[in-house]
Amino acid sequence: MLLIQKYFPHLTDIQLKQFKALQGLYEDWNSQINVISRKDIEALYLRHVLHSLSIAKLIQFKSGAKILDIGTGGGFPGVPLAILFPEVTFHLVDSINKKLKVVNGVADSLGLENIYTTHARAESIQGHYDFIISRAVTNMTDFVGWIKNRVAKKSVHSIKNGILYLKGGDLAEELKPFTKATQYDLSTYFEEDFFETKKIVHLPLKYKG
């Protein structure tokens, strides 16, 4: 929890309370439905919460924005970002229903009213969103295929609407087809070793009705 306060010092009392509650909530849920490895649950704030919040170091979502989280698993990056941006709507999607049971349980316990979930494959999701976020659910080519018509027309943020993808390692080959993609090293924002090879990839996508 100190990690979160280190990099996000201006949280409200409600946000602090919500972030503090995450460890206990995920431990409880994880004992029923395994969504996080034992190693990761012990480092929840580093490996999951702060990693998710790295997106907020690149962009501040504006009030009223709509964000789609594909392959959210236990709720990452969507849940931490929903705490940080209470005026933003987050649509969390996963093809495994029991994982969404965890997400819904955590969101209900925290009183997060800006999250809703859908049990579905990514390709079946309708609607338009300012950004589609995810943590390395597949390669970028397949991911773009899943969500290519889901980007909103009006771009009002500091970067253009599109994909914000959390991934690690050397992405040069994977991103070759995407000349407009920009990589941001998370080590720029965080000093912990865990982030040394981690990146955010921003890929702007044009609106298609």
N, C-alpha and C. Protein backbone atom coordinates (compact mmCIF):
# COMPACT_ATOMS: atom_id res chain seq x y z
N MET A 1 0.82 -1.20 0.00
CA MET A 1 0.00 0.00 0.00
C MET A 1 0.87 1.27 0.00
N LEU A 2 2.00 1.19 0.67
CA LEU A 2 2.92 2.33 0.68
C LEU A 2 3.42 2.65 -0.73
N LEU A 3 3.53 1.59 -1.55
CA LEU A 3 3.93 1.79 -2.94
C LEU A 3 2.95 2.69 -3.68
N ILE A 4 1.67 2.47 -3.44
CA ILE A 4 0.64 3.25 -4.13
C ILE A 4 0.73 4.71 -3.69
N GLN A 5 0.89 4.92 -2.38
CA GLN A 5 0.99 6.28 -1.87
C GLN A 5 2.27 6.98 -2.33
N LYS A 6 3.31 6.18 -2.54
CA LYS A 6 4.59 6.73 -3.01
C LYS A 6 4.44 7.39 -4.38
N TYR A 7 3.70 6.73 -5.26
CA TYR A 7 3.58 7.22 -6.64
C TYR A 7 2.28 8.00 -6.90
N PHE A 8 1.32 7.84 -6.00
CA PHE A 8 0.05 8.56 -6.13
C PHE A 8 -0.28 9.21 -4.78
N PRO A 9 0.41 10.31 -4.47
CA PRO A 9 0.31 10.91 -3.13
C PRO A 9 -0.97 11.72 -2.87
N HIS A 10 -1.76 11.95 -3.90
CA HIS A 10 -2.91 12.85 -3.74
C HIS A 10 -4.25 12.12 -3.74
N LEU A 11 -4.27 10.92 -3.23
CA LEU A 11 -5.51 10.15 -3.18
C LEU A 11 -6.45 10.70 -2.12
N THR A 12 -7.75 10.58 -2.36
CA THR A 12 -8.73 10.97 -1.36
C THR A 12 -8.80 9.90 -0.27
N ASP A 13 -9.46 10.24 0.83
CA ASP A 13 -9.62 9.27 1.92
C ASP A 13 -10.37 8.03 1.44
N ILE A 14 -11.37 8.23 0.58
CA ILE A 14 -12.14 7.10 0.05
C ILE A 14 -11.24 6.21 -0.80
N GLN A 15 -10.45 6.82 -1.66
CA GLN A 15 -9.55 6.04 -2.52
C GLN A 15 -8.52 5.27 -1.68
N LEU A 16 -7.97 5.92 -0.67
CA LEU A 16 -7.01 5.23 0.21
C LEU A 16 -7.66 4.02 0.87
N LYS A 17 -8.88 4.19 1.35
CA LYS A 17 -9.60 3.09 1.99
C LYS A 17 -9.85 1.95 1.00
N GLN A 18 -10.22 2.31 -0.22
CA GLN A 18 -10.49 1.30 -1.25
C GLN A 18 -9.22 0.55 -1.63
N PHE A 19 -8.13 1.27 -1.84
CA PHE A 19 -6.87 0.61 -2.19
C PHE A 19 -6.39 -0.30 -1.05
N LYS A 20 -6.51 0.16 0.19
CA LYS A 20 -6.09 -0.65 1.34
C LYS A 20 -6.90 -1.94 1.44
N ALA A 21 -8.16 -1.88 1.03
CA ALA A 21 -9.04 -3.05 1.14
C ALA A 21 -8.71 -4.14 0.12
N LEU A 22 -7.98 -3.80 -0.93
CA LEU A 22 -7.76 -4.75 -2.03
C LEU A 22 -7.06 -6.03 -1.58
N GLN A 23 -6.04 -5.90 -0.73
CA GLN A 23 -5.28 -7.09 -0.32
C GLN A 23 -6.18 -8.13 0.33
N GLY A 24 -6.96 -7.72 1.31
CA GLY A 24 -7.85 -8.65 2.01
C GLY A 24 -8.91 -9.22 1.10
N LEU A 25 -9.48 -8.39 0.25
CA LEU A 25 -10.53 -8.84 -0.66
C LEU A 25 -10.01 -9.89 -1.63
N TYR A 26 -8.84 -9.63 -2.22
CA TYR A 26 -8.30 -10.59 -3.19
C TYR A 26 -7.82 -11.87 -2.50
N GLU A 27 -7.32 -11.76 -1.30
CA GLU A 27 -6.94 -12.98 -0.57
C GLU A 27 -8.17 -13.85 -0.30
N ASP A 28 -9.26 -13.20 0.13
CA ASP A 28 -10.50 -13.93 0.40
C ASP A 28 -11.04 -14.60 -0.87
N TRP A 29 -11.14 -13.83 -1.92
CA TRP A 29 -11.67 -14.37 -3.17
C TRP A 29 -10.75 -15.42 -3.77
N ASN A 30 -9.45 -15.20 -3.66
CA ASN A 30 -8.49 -16.13 -4.24
C ASN A 30 -8.53 -17.50 -3.56
N SER A 31 -8.94 -17.53 -2.31
CA SER A 31 -9.07 -18.81 -1.60
C SER A 31 -10.25 -19.61 -2.12
N GLN A 32 -11.21 -18.92 -2.76
CA GLN A 32 -12.39 -19.58 -3.34
C GLN A 32 -12.22 -19.85 -4.83
N ILE A 33 -11.72 -18.83 -5.54
CA ILE A 33 -11.54 -18.92 -7.00
C ILE A 33 -10.16 -18.40 -7.32
N ASN A 34 -9.29 -19.27 -7.76
CA ASN A 34 -7.90 -18.89 -7.97
C ASN A 34 -7.72 -18.04 -9.23
N VAL A 35 -7.52 -16.75 -9.03
CA VAL A 35 -7.30 -15.85 -10.17
C VAL A 35 -5.92 -15.22 -10.16
N ILE A 36 -5.22 -15.33 -9.02
CA ILE A 36 -3.89 -14.75 -8.88
C ILE A 36 -2.99 -15.80 -8.24
N SER A 37 -1.78 -15.96 -8.76
CA SER A 37 -0.85 -16.95 -8.20
C SER A 37 -0.45 -16.55 -6.78
N ARG A 38 -0.01 -17.55 -5.99
CA ARG A 38 0.37 -17.28 -4.60
C ARG A 38 1.50 -16.25 -4.53
N LYS A 39 2.46 -16.39 -5.44
CA LYS A 39 3.58 -15.45 -5.49
C LYS A 39 3.09 -14.03 -5.75
N ASP A 40 2.14 -13.91 -6.66
CA ASP A 40 1.64 -12.58 -7.02
C ASP A 40 0.73 -11.99 -5.95
N ILE A 41 -0.03 -12.82 -5.25
CA ILE A 41 -0.94 -12.29 -4.23
C ILE A 41 -0.14 -11.66 -3.10
N GLU A 42 1.08 -12.20 -2.86
CA GLU A 42 1.95 -11.63 -1.82
C GLU A 42 2.55 -10.30 -2.26
N ALA A 43 2.59 -10.08 -3.57
CA ALA A 43 3.11 -8.81 -4.10
C ALA A 43 2.01 -8.11 -4.91
N LEU A 44 0.80 -8.17 -4.40
CA LEU A 44 -0.38 -7.66 -5.13
C LEU A 44 -0.22 -6.20 -5.56
N TYR A 45 0.25 -5.36 -4.63
CA TYR A 45 0.32 -3.93 -4.93
C TYR A 45 1.39 -3.61 -5.97
N LEU A 46 2.47 -4.37 -5.96
CA LEU A 46 3.53 -4.16 -6.96
C LEU A 46 3.14 -4.72 -8.32
N ARG A 47 2.81 -6.02 -8.35
CA ARG A 47 2.65 -6.75 -9.60
C ARG A 47 1.30 -6.53 -10.29
N HIS A 48 0.31 -6.12 -9.54
CA HIS A 48 -1.03 -5.97 -10.12
C HIS A 48 -1.58 -4.55 -10.01
N VAL A 49 -1.59 -4.01 -8.78
CA VAL A 49 -2.22 -2.70 -8.59
C VAL A 49 -1.39 -1.59 -9.21
N LEU A 50 -0.12 -1.50 -8.84
CA LEU A 50 0.73 -0.43 -9.39
C LEU A 50 0.95 -0.62 -10.89
N HIS A 51 1.11 -1.86 -11.31
CA HIS A 51 1.25 -2.14 -12.75
C HIS A 51 0.04 -1.61 -13.51
N SER A 52 -1.16 -1.85 -12.98
CA SER A 52 -2.38 -1.35 -13.62
C SER A 52 -2.40 0.18 -13.65
N LEU A 53 -1.99 0.78 -12.54
CA LEU A 53 -2.03 2.24 -12.43
C LEU A 53 -0.99 2.95 -13.28
N SER A 54 -0.05 2.20 -13.85
CA SER A 54 0.95 2.83 -14.72
C SER A 54 0.30 3.58 -15.87
N ILE A 55 -0.86 3.10 -16.30
CA ILE A 55 -1.59 3.78 -17.39
C ILE A 55 -1.89 5.23 -17.00
N ALA A 56 -2.14 5.45 -15.71
CA ALA A 56 -2.46 6.80 -15.23
C ALA A 56 -1.25 7.72 -15.20
N LYS A 57 -0.05 7.16 -15.34
CA LYS A 57 1.15 7.98 -15.47
C LYS A 57 1.29 8.52 -16.89
N LEU A 58 0.70 7.79 -17.83
CA LEU A 58 0.74 8.21 -19.23
C LEU A 58 -0.42 9.14 -19.58
N ILE A 59 -1.59 8.86 -19.01
CA ILE A 59 -2.79 9.60 -19.38
C ILE A 59 -3.73 9.74 -18.20
N GLN A 60 -4.32 10.91 -18.08
CA GLN A 60 -5.38 11.14 -17.09
C GLN A 60 -6.73 11.06 -17.81
N PHE A 61 -7.48 10.00 -17.54
CA PHE A 61 -8.78 9.88 -18.19
C PHE A 61 -9.71 11.00 -17.73
N LYS A 62 -10.45 11.57 -18.68
CA LYS A 62 -11.34 12.67 -18.37
C LYS A 62 -12.70 12.16 -17.89
N SER A 63 -13.36 12.98 -17.10
CA SER A 63 -14.69 12.63 -16.60
C SER A 63 -15.62 12.29 -17.76
N GLY A 64 -16.33 11.18 -17.64
CA GLY A 64 -17.24 10.75 -18.69
C GLY A 64 -16.63 9.82 -19.72
N ALA A 65 -15.32 9.61 -19.64
CA ALA A 65 -14.66 8.70 -20.60
C ALA A 65 -15.18 7.27 -20.41
N LYS A 66 -15.12 6.50 -21.49
CA LYS A 66 -15.53 5.10 -21.46
C LYS A 66 -14.33 4.23 -21.83
N ILE A 67 -14.01 3.29 -20.94
CA ILE A 67 -12.83 2.46 -21.09
C ILE A 67 -13.25 0.99 -21.12
N LEU A 68 -12.73 0.25 -22.09
CA LEU A 68 -13.02 -1.18 -22.22
C LEU A 68 -11.77 -1.98 -21.83
N ASP A 69 -11.92 -2.87 -20.85
CA ASP A 69 -10.82 -3.71 -20.37
C ASP A 69 -11.07 -5.14 -20.86
N ILE A 70 -10.25 -5.58 -21.81
CA ILE A 70 -10.42 -6.90 -22.43
C ILE A 70 -9.52 -7.94 -21.75
N GLY A 71 -10.11 -9.09 -21.39
CA GLY A 71 -9.35 -10.14 -20.71
C GLY A 71 -8.92 -9.69 -19.33
N THR A 72 -9.85 -9.11 -18.59
CA THR A 72 -9.54 -8.47 -17.31
C THR A 72 -9.09 -9.44 -16.22
N GLY A 73 -9.40 -10.72 -16.37
CA GLY A 73 -9.01 -11.69 -15.35
C GLY A 73 -9.65 -11.36 -14.02
N GLY A 74 -8.84 -11.14 -13.01
CA GLY A 74 -9.36 -10.77 -11.69
C GLY A 74 -9.66 -9.29 -11.53
N GLY A 75 -9.58 -8.55 -12.64
CA GLY A 75 -9.93 -7.13 -12.59
C GLY A 75 -8.78 -6.17 -12.80
N PHE A 76 -7.80 -6.61 -13.56
CA PHE A 76 -6.61 -5.77 -13.83
C PHE A 76 -6.40 -5.59 -15.32
N PRO A 77 -6.23 -4.35 -15.74
CA PRO A 77 -6.02 -3.12 -14.96
C PRO A 77 -7.28 -2.37 -14.53
N GLY A 78 -8.47 -2.89 -14.85
CA GLY A 78 -9.70 -2.12 -14.67
C GLY A 78 -10.03 -1.67 -13.26
N VAL A 79 -9.91 -2.58 -12.27
CA VAL A 79 -10.34 -2.23 -10.91
C VAL A 79 -9.49 -1.11 -10.30
N PRO A 80 -8.15 -1.21 -10.30
CA PRO A 80 -7.37 -0.09 -9.74
C PRO A 80 -7.63 1.24 -10.45
N LEU A 81 -7.79 1.19 -11.77
CA LEU A 81 -8.07 2.43 -12.52
C LEU A 81 -9.45 2.98 -12.19
N ALA A 82 -10.41 2.09 -11.93
CA ALA A 82 -11.76 2.55 -11.57
C ALA A 82 -11.75 3.25 -10.20
N ILE A 83 -10.87 2.80 -9.31
CA ILE A 83 -10.72 3.49 -8.02
C ILE A 83 -10.12 4.88 -8.25
N LEU A 84 -9.12 4.94 -9.10
CA LEU A 84 -8.40 6.20 -9.35
C LEU A 84 -9.25 7.21 -10.12
N PHE A 85 -10.12 6.70 -11.00
CA PHE A 85 -10.94 7.58 -11.85
C PHE A 85 -12.43 7.28 -11.64
N PRO A 86 -13.00 7.75 -10.51
CA PRO A 86 -14.40 7.42 -10.20
C PRO A 86 -15.42 8.02 -11.17
N GLU A 87 -15.02 9.03 -11.95
CA GLU A 87 -15.95 9.66 -12.90
C GLU A 87 -15.85 9.06 -14.30
N VAL A 88 -15.12 7.95 -14.41
CA VAL A 88 -14.92 7.27 -15.69
C VAL A 88 -15.60 5.91 -15.63
N THR A 89 -16.22 5.48 -16.74
CA THR A 89 -16.89 4.19 -16.79
C THR A 89 -15.96 3.12 -17.34
N PHE A 90 -15.88 2.01 -16.61
CA PHE A 90 -15.02 0.90 -17.02
C PHE A 90 -15.86 -0.34 -17.30
N HIS A 91 -15.71 -0.88 -18.50
CA HIS A 91 -16.41 -2.10 -18.91
C HIS A 91 -15.39 -3.22 -18.93
N LEU A 92 -15.49 -4.14 -17.98
CA LEU A 92 -14.53 -5.22 -17.82
C LEU A 92 -15.07 -6.51 -18.43
N VAL A 93 -14.31 -7.09 -19.35
CA VAL A 93 -14.77 -8.24 -20.12
C VAL A 93 -13.80 -9.41 -19.95
N ASP A 94 -14.36 -10.60 -19.77
CA ASP A 94 -13.53 -11.80 -19.75
C ASP A 94 -14.37 -12.97 -20.26
N SER A 95 -13.70 -13.95 -20.86
CA SER A 95 -14.40 -15.12 -21.40
C SER A 95 -14.61 -16.19 -20.33
N ILE A 96 -14.02 -15.99 -19.14
CA ILE A 96 -14.17 -16.96 -18.05
C ILE A 96 -15.03 -16.33 -16.95
N ASN A 97 -16.21 -16.87 -16.77
CA ASN A 97 -17.21 -16.24 -15.91
C ASN A 97 -16.80 -16.19 -14.45
N LYS A 98 -16.11 -17.23 -13.98
CA LYS A 98 -15.76 -17.25 -12.55
C LYS A 98 -14.80 -16.12 -12.18
N LYS A 99 -14.00 -15.69 -13.15
CA LYS A 99 -13.12 -14.55 -12.89
C LYS A 99 -13.93 -13.28 -12.68
N LEU A 100 -15.00 -13.14 -13.44
CA LEU A 100 -15.85 -11.96 -13.29
C LEU A 100 -16.64 -11.99 -11.99
N LYS A 101 -16.86 -13.18 -11.45
CA LYS A 101 -17.49 -13.29 -10.13
C LYS A 101 -16.60 -12.61 -9.09
N VAL A 102 -15.30 -12.81 -9.22
CA VAL A 102 -14.34 -12.15 -8.34
C VAL A 102 -14.39 -10.63 -8.54
N VAL A 103 -14.34 -10.20 -9.80
CA VAL A 103 -14.38 -8.76 -10.11
C VAL A 103 -15.64 -8.12 -9.52
N ASN A 104 -16.78 -8.74 -9.74
CA ASN A 104 -18.04 -8.19 -9.24
C ASN A 104 -18.06 -8.15 -7.72
N GLY A 105 -17.51 -9.19 -7.09
CA GLY A 105 -17.45 -9.23 -5.64
C GLY A 105 -16.58 -8.13 -5.07
N VAL A 106 -15.42 -7.94 -5.68
CA VAL A 106 -14.50 -6.88 -5.24
C VAL A 106 -15.13 -5.51 -5.45
N ALA A 107 -15.70 -5.29 -6.62
CA ALA A 107 -16.32 -3.99 -6.95
C ALA A 107 -17.47 -3.67 -5.99
N ASP A 108 -18.28 -4.68 -5.69
CA ASP A 108 -19.40 -4.48 -4.75
C ASP A 108 -18.89 -4.13 -3.36
N SER A 109 -17.87 -4.85 -2.90
CA SER A 109 -17.32 -4.59 -1.57
C SER A 109 -16.72 -3.19 -1.46
N LEU A 110 -16.16 -2.70 -2.55
CA LEU A 110 -15.53 -1.38 -2.57
C LEU A 110 -16.53 -0.26 -2.85
N GLY A 111 -17.74 -0.62 -3.26
CA GLY A 111 -18.75 0.38 -3.62
C GLY A 111 -18.44 1.08 -4.94
N LEU A 112 -17.78 0.35 -5.85
CA LEU A 112 -17.43 0.94 -7.16
C LEU A 112 -18.64 0.85 -8.09
N GLU A 113 -19.23 1.99 -8.36
CA GLU A 113 -20.41 2.03 -9.22
C GLU A 113 -20.07 2.36 -10.67
N ASN A 114 -18.78 2.52 -10.95
CA ASN A 114 -18.35 2.88 -12.31
C ASN A 114 -17.78 1.68 -13.06
N ILE A 115 -18.04 0.46 -12.55
CA ILE A 115 -17.61 -0.77 -13.21
C ILE A 115 -18.82 -1.59 -13.60
N TYR A 116 -18.81 -2.12 -14.83
CA TYR A 116 -19.75 -3.19 -15.16
C TYR A 116 -19.01 -4.24 -15.96
N THR A 117 -19.50 -5.47 -15.88
CA THR A 117 -18.77 -6.59 -16.46
C THR A 117 -19.63 -7.33 -17.48
N THR A 118 -18.96 -7.99 -18.40
CA THR A 118 -19.63 -8.84 -19.39
C THR A 118 -18.83 -10.12 -19.56
N HIS A 119 -19.53 -11.24 -19.47
CA HIS A 119 -18.92 -12.55 -19.74
C HIS A 119 -19.08 -12.82 -21.23
N ALA A 120 -18.01 -12.65 -21.99
CA ALA A 120 -18.10 -12.78 -23.45
C ALA A 120 -16.70 -12.82 -24.04
N ARG A 121 -16.64 -13.24 -25.29
CA ARG A 121 -15.40 -13.12 -26.04
C ARG A 121 -15.28 -11.67 -26.54
N ALA A 122 -14.06 -11.21 -26.65
CA ALA A 122 -13.82 -9.81 -27.00
C ALA A 122 -14.51 -9.40 -28.29
N GLU A 123 -14.51 -10.31 -29.27
CA GLU A 123 -15.05 -9.97 -30.60
C GLU A 123 -16.53 -9.65 -30.58
N SER A 124 -17.24 -10.11 -29.55
CA SER A 124 -18.70 -9.94 -29.52
C SER A 124 -19.13 -8.64 -28.84
N ILE A 125 -18.20 -7.90 -28.28
CA ILE A 125 -18.54 -6.67 -27.56
C ILE A 125 -18.95 -5.58 -28.54
N GLN A 126 -20.03 -4.87 -28.19
CA GLN A 126 -20.51 -3.78 -29.02
C GLN A 126 -20.23 -2.44 -28.33
N GLY A 127 -20.50 -1.34 -29.04
CA GLY A 127 -20.31 -0.02 -28.46
C GLY A 127 -18.97 0.58 -28.83
N HIS A 128 -18.77 1.83 -28.45
CA HIS A 128 -17.52 2.54 -28.74
C HIS A 128 -16.91 3.10 -27.47
N TYR A 129 -15.60 3.08 -27.40
CA TYR A 129 -14.86 3.43 -26.19
C TYR A 129 -13.70 4.36 -26.52
N ASP A 130 -13.36 5.22 -25.58
CA ASP A 130 -12.21 6.11 -25.78
C ASP A 130 -10.91 5.30 -25.87
N PHE A 131 -10.78 4.34 -24.96
CA PHE A 131 -9.59 3.49 -24.97
C PHE A 131 -9.96 2.05 -24.65
N ILE A 132 -9.22 1.13 -25.27
CA ILE A 132 -9.31 -0.29 -24.94
C ILE A 132 -8.01 -0.65 -24.24
N ILE A 133 -8.13 -1.14 -23.01
CA ILE A 133 -6.95 -1.45 -22.21
C ILE A 133 -6.85 -2.96 -21.99
N SER A 134 -5.64 -3.43 -21.74
CA SER A 134 -5.45 -4.86 -21.49
C SER A 134 -4.04 -5.12 -20.99
N ARG A 135 -3.89 -6.30 -20.36
CA ARG A 135 -2.56 -6.73 -19.93
C ARG A 135 -2.19 -8.00 -20.68
N ALA A 136 -1.56 -7.83 -21.83
CA ALA A 136 -0.90 -8.94 -22.55
C ALA A 136 -1.74 -10.20 -22.69
N VAL A 137 -2.98 -10.06 -23.17
CA VAL A 137 -3.82 -11.25 -23.33
C VAL A 137 -3.48 -12.04 -24.59
N THR A 138 -2.91 -11.36 -25.58
CA THR A 138 -2.52 -12.03 -26.83
C THR A 138 -1.55 -11.12 -27.57
N ASN A 139 -1.14 -11.51 -28.78
CA ASN A 139 -0.27 -10.62 -29.56
C ASN A 139 -1.09 -9.46 -30.13
N MET A 140 -0.42 -8.40 -30.48
CA MET A 140 -1.11 -7.17 -30.88
C MET A 140 -1.94 -7.36 -32.14
N THR A 141 -1.48 -8.16 -33.08
CA THR A 141 -2.23 -8.37 -34.32
C THR A 141 -3.61 -8.97 -34.03
N ASP A 142 -3.64 -10.00 -33.22
CA ASP A 142 -4.91 -10.62 -32.86
C ASP A 142 -5.78 -9.66 -32.05
N PHE A 143 -5.16 -8.94 -31.15
CA PHE A 143 -5.91 -8.03 -30.28
C PHE A 143 -6.60 -6.94 -31.11
N VAL A 144 -5.87 -6.38 -32.06
CA VAL A 144 -6.45 -5.35 -32.93
C VAL A 144 -7.63 -5.93 -33.71
N GLY A 145 -7.50 -7.18 -34.13
CA GLY A 145 -8.59 -7.84 -34.84
C GLY A 145 -9.84 -7.98 -34.00
N TRP A 146 -9.65 -8.19 -32.71
CA TRP A 146 -10.79 -8.35 -31.80
C TRP A 146 -11.57 -7.06 -31.61
N ILE A 147 -10.85 -5.91 -31.57
CA ILE A 147 -11.52 -4.68 -31.09
C ILE A 147 -11.45 -3.52 -32.10
N LYS A 148 -11.13 -3.82 -33.36
CA LYS A 148 -10.81 -2.74 -34.31
C LYS A 148 -11.96 -1.77 -34.56
N ASN A 149 -13.19 -2.16 -34.34
CA ASN A 149 -14.32 -1.25 -34.59
C ASN A 149 -14.96 -0.71 -33.31
N ARG A 150 -14.20 -0.72 -32.24
CA ARG A 150 -14.78 -0.36 -30.94
C ARG A 150 -14.28 1.00 -30.42
N VAL A 151 -13.55 1.73 -31.24
CA VAL A 151 -12.96 3.00 -30.78
C VAL A 151 -13.88 4.17 -31.10
N ALA A 152 -14.11 5.04 -30.11
CA ALA A 152 -15.00 6.19 -30.26
C ALA A 152 -14.42 7.21 -31.24
N LYS A 153 -15.30 7.93 -31.88
CA LYS A 153 -14.91 8.88 -32.93
C LYS A 153 -14.23 10.13 -32.36
N LYS A 154 -14.81 10.70 -31.32
CA LYS A 154 -14.32 11.97 -30.78
C LYS A 154 -13.18 11.71 -29.79
N SER A 155 -12.01 12.28 -30.08
CA SER A 155 -10.84 12.10 -29.24
C SER A 155 -10.62 13.37 -28.42
N VAL A 156 -10.69 13.27 -27.09
CA VAL A 156 -10.62 14.46 -26.24
C VAL A 156 -9.48 14.40 -25.23
N HIS A 157 -8.64 13.38 -25.30
CA HIS A 157 -7.56 13.21 -24.34
C HIS A 157 -6.22 13.72 -24.90
N SER A 158 -5.20 13.64 -24.07
CA SER A 158 -3.88 14.13 -24.46
C SER A 158 -3.22 13.26 -25.53
N ILE A 159 -3.67 12.02 -25.64
CA ILE A 159 -3.23 11.13 -26.71
C ILE A 159 -4.47 10.63 -27.44
N LYS A 160 -4.29 10.17 -28.67
CA LYS A 160 -5.43 9.79 -29.49
C LYS A 160 -6.08 8.49 -29.00
N ASN A 161 -7.39 8.39 -29.23
CA ASN A 161 -8.13 7.19 -28.86
C ASN A 161 -7.50 5.94 -29.47
N GLY A 162 -7.61 4.84 -28.76
CA GLY A 162 -7.08 3.59 -29.29
C GLY A 162 -6.79 2.59 -28.18
N ILE A 163 -5.71 1.85 -28.35
CA ILE A 163 -5.33 0.78 -27.43
C ILE A 163 -4.24 1.26 -26.48
N LEU A 164 -4.38 0.87 -25.20
CA LEU A 164 -3.32 1.02 -24.21
C LEU A 164 -3.05 -0.37 -23.66
N TYR A 165 -1.88 -0.90 -24.01
CA TYR A 165 -1.57 -2.31 -23.79
C TYR A 165 -0.37 -2.45 -22.87
N LEU A 166 -0.53 -3.19 -21.78
CA LEU A 166 0.57 -3.42 -20.84
C LEU A 166 1.26 -4.73 -21.20
N LYS A 167 2.54 -4.64 -21.49
CA LYS A 167 3.27 -5.84 -21.90
C LYS A 167 4.75 -5.69 -21.59
N GLY A 168 5.46 -6.81 -21.50
CA GLY A 168 6.89 -6.77 -21.18
C GLY A 168 7.75 -7.34 -22.28
N GLY A 169 9.06 -7.11 -22.15
CA GLY A 169 10.01 -7.71 -23.08
C GLY A 169 10.23 -6.90 -24.34
N ASP A 170 10.89 -7.53 -25.29
CA ASP A 170 11.21 -6.89 -26.57
C ASP A 170 10.02 -7.04 -27.51
N LEU A 171 9.39 -5.92 -27.84
CA LEU A 171 8.16 -5.95 -28.65
C LEU A 171 8.40 -5.52 -30.10
N ALA A 172 9.65 -5.34 -30.47
CA ALA A 172 9.97 -4.80 -31.80
C ALA A 172 9.34 -5.61 -32.92
N GLU A 173 9.48 -6.92 -32.87
CA GLU A 173 8.96 -7.78 -33.94
C GLU A 173 7.44 -7.77 -33.96
N GLU A 174 6.85 -7.88 -32.79
CA GLU A 174 5.38 -7.91 -32.69
C GLU A 174 4.75 -6.62 -33.19
N LEU A 175 5.42 -5.51 -32.98
CA LEU A 175 4.84 -4.21 -33.33
C LEU A 175 5.24 -3.72 -34.72
N LYS A 176 6.01 -4.52 -35.46
CA LYS A 176 6.44 -4.12 -36.80
C LYS A 176 5.29 -3.68 -37.71
N PRO A 177 4.15 -4.41 -37.69
CA PRO A 177 3.05 -4.00 -38.58
C PRO A 177 2.37 -2.70 -38.15
N PHE A 178 2.69 -2.22 -36.94
CA PHE A 178 1.96 -1.08 -36.38
C PHE A 178 2.89 0.12 -36.25
N THR A 179 3.04 0.85 -37.33
CA THR A 179 4.03 1.94 -37.38
C THR A 179 3.62 3.12 -36.48
N LYS A 180 2.35 3.19 -36.12
CA LYS A 180 1.90 4.31 -35.28
C LYS A 180 1.96 3.99 -33.78
N ALA A 181 2.37 2.77 -33.45
CA ALA A 181 2.46 2.38 -32.03
C ALA A 181 3.63 3.08 -31.36
N THR A 182 3.41 3.50 -30.12
CA THR A 182 4.46 4.11 -29.30
C THR A 182 4.64 3.29 -28.03
N GLN A 183 5.89 2.98 -27.69
CA GLN A 183 6.18 2.26 -26.46
C GLN A 183 6.67 3.23 -25.38
N TYR A 184 6.15 3.04 -24.18
CA TYR A 184 6.57 3.84 -23.03
C TYR A 184 7.11 2.89 -21.96
N ASP A 185 8.36 3.08 -21.56
CA ASP A 185 8.99 2.22 -20.55
C ASP A 185 8.45 2.57 -19.16
N LEU A 186 7.98 1.56 -18.44
CA LEU A 186 7.44 1.81 -17.10
C LEU A 186 8.55 2.17 -16.12
N SER A 187 9.79 1.83 -16.45
CA SER A 187 10.92 2.21 -15.59
C SER A 187 11.10 3.73 -15.56
N THR A 188 10.47 4.43 -16.50
CA THR A 188 10.47 5.90 -16.48
C THR A 188 9.65 6.42 -15.31
N TYR A 189 8.61 5.68 -14.96
CA TYR A 189 7.68 6.12 -13.92
C TYR A 189 7.98 5.50 -12.55
N PHE A 190 8.46 4.26 -12.54
CA PHE A 190 8.65 3.51 -11.30
C PHE A 190 10.08 2.99 -11.20
N GLU A 191 10.64 3.02 -9.99
CA GLU A 191 12.04 2.62 -9.82
C GLU A 191 12.23 1.16 -9.45
N GLU A 192 11.14 0.44 -9.14
CA GLU A 192 11.25 -0.96 -8.72
C GLU A 192 11.71 -1.85 -9.88
N ASP A 193 12.52 -2.86 -9.58
CA ASP A 193 13.09 -3.75 -10.60
C ASP A 193 12.03 -4.44 -11.44
N PHE A 194 10.87 -4.71 -10.84
CA PHE A 194 9.79 -5.40 -11.53
C PHE A 194 9.42 -4.71 -12.85
N PHE A 195 9.58 -3.40 -12.89
CA PHE A 195 9.14 -2.63 -14.05
C PHE A 195 10.22 -2.44 -15.11
N GLU A 196 11.37 -3.01 -14.89
CA GLU A 196 12.52 -2.76 -15.76
C GLU A 196 12.24 -3.07 -17.23
N THR A 197 11.53 -4.16 -17.51
CA THR A 197 11.25 -4.55 -18.90
C THR A 197 9.78 -4.34 -19.30
N LYS A 198 9.02 -3.73 -18.40
CA LYS A 198 7.58 -3.56 -18.65
C LYS A 198 7.32 -2.28 -19.44
N LYS A 199 6.28 -2.34 -20.28
CA LYS A 199 5.96 -1.20 -21.14
C LYS A 199 4.45 -0.98 -21.24
N ILE A 200 4.09 0.25 -21.60
CA ILE A 200 2.75 0.53 -22.12
C ILE A 200 2.91 0.76 -23.62
N VAL A 201 2.08 0.10 -24.40
CA VAL A 201 2.04 0.36 -25.84
C VAL A 201 0.77 1.15 -26.13
N HIS A 202 0.93 2.32 -26.75
CA HIS A 202 -0.24 3.08 -27.21
C HIS A 202 -0.33 2.94 -28.72
N LEU A 203 -1.47 2.44 -29.16
CA LEU A 203 -1.73 2.32 -30.59
C LEU A 203 -3.00 3.07 -30.93
N PRO A 204 -2.88 4.24 -31.56
CA PRO A 204 -4.08 4.99 -31.95
C PRO A 204 -4.84 4.24 -33.04
N LEU A 205 -6.15 4.24 -32.93
CA LEU A 205 -6.98 3.57 -33.93
C LEU A 205 -8.07 4.53 -34.40
N LYS A 206 -8.37 4.49 -35.68
CA LYS A 206 -9.40 5.35 -36.24
C LYS A 206 -10.78 4.76 -35.97
N TYR A 207 -11.74 5.69 -35.85
CA TYR A 207 -13.14 5.29 -35.67
C TYR A 207 -13.67 4.60 -36.91
N LYS A 208 -14.38 3.50 -36.70
CA LYS A 208 -15.09 2.82 -37.78
C LYS A 208 -16.50 2.51 -37.28
N GLY A 209 -17.51 3.06 -37.96
CA GLY A 209 -18.88 2.91 -37.50
C GLY A 209 -19.41 1.50 -37.71
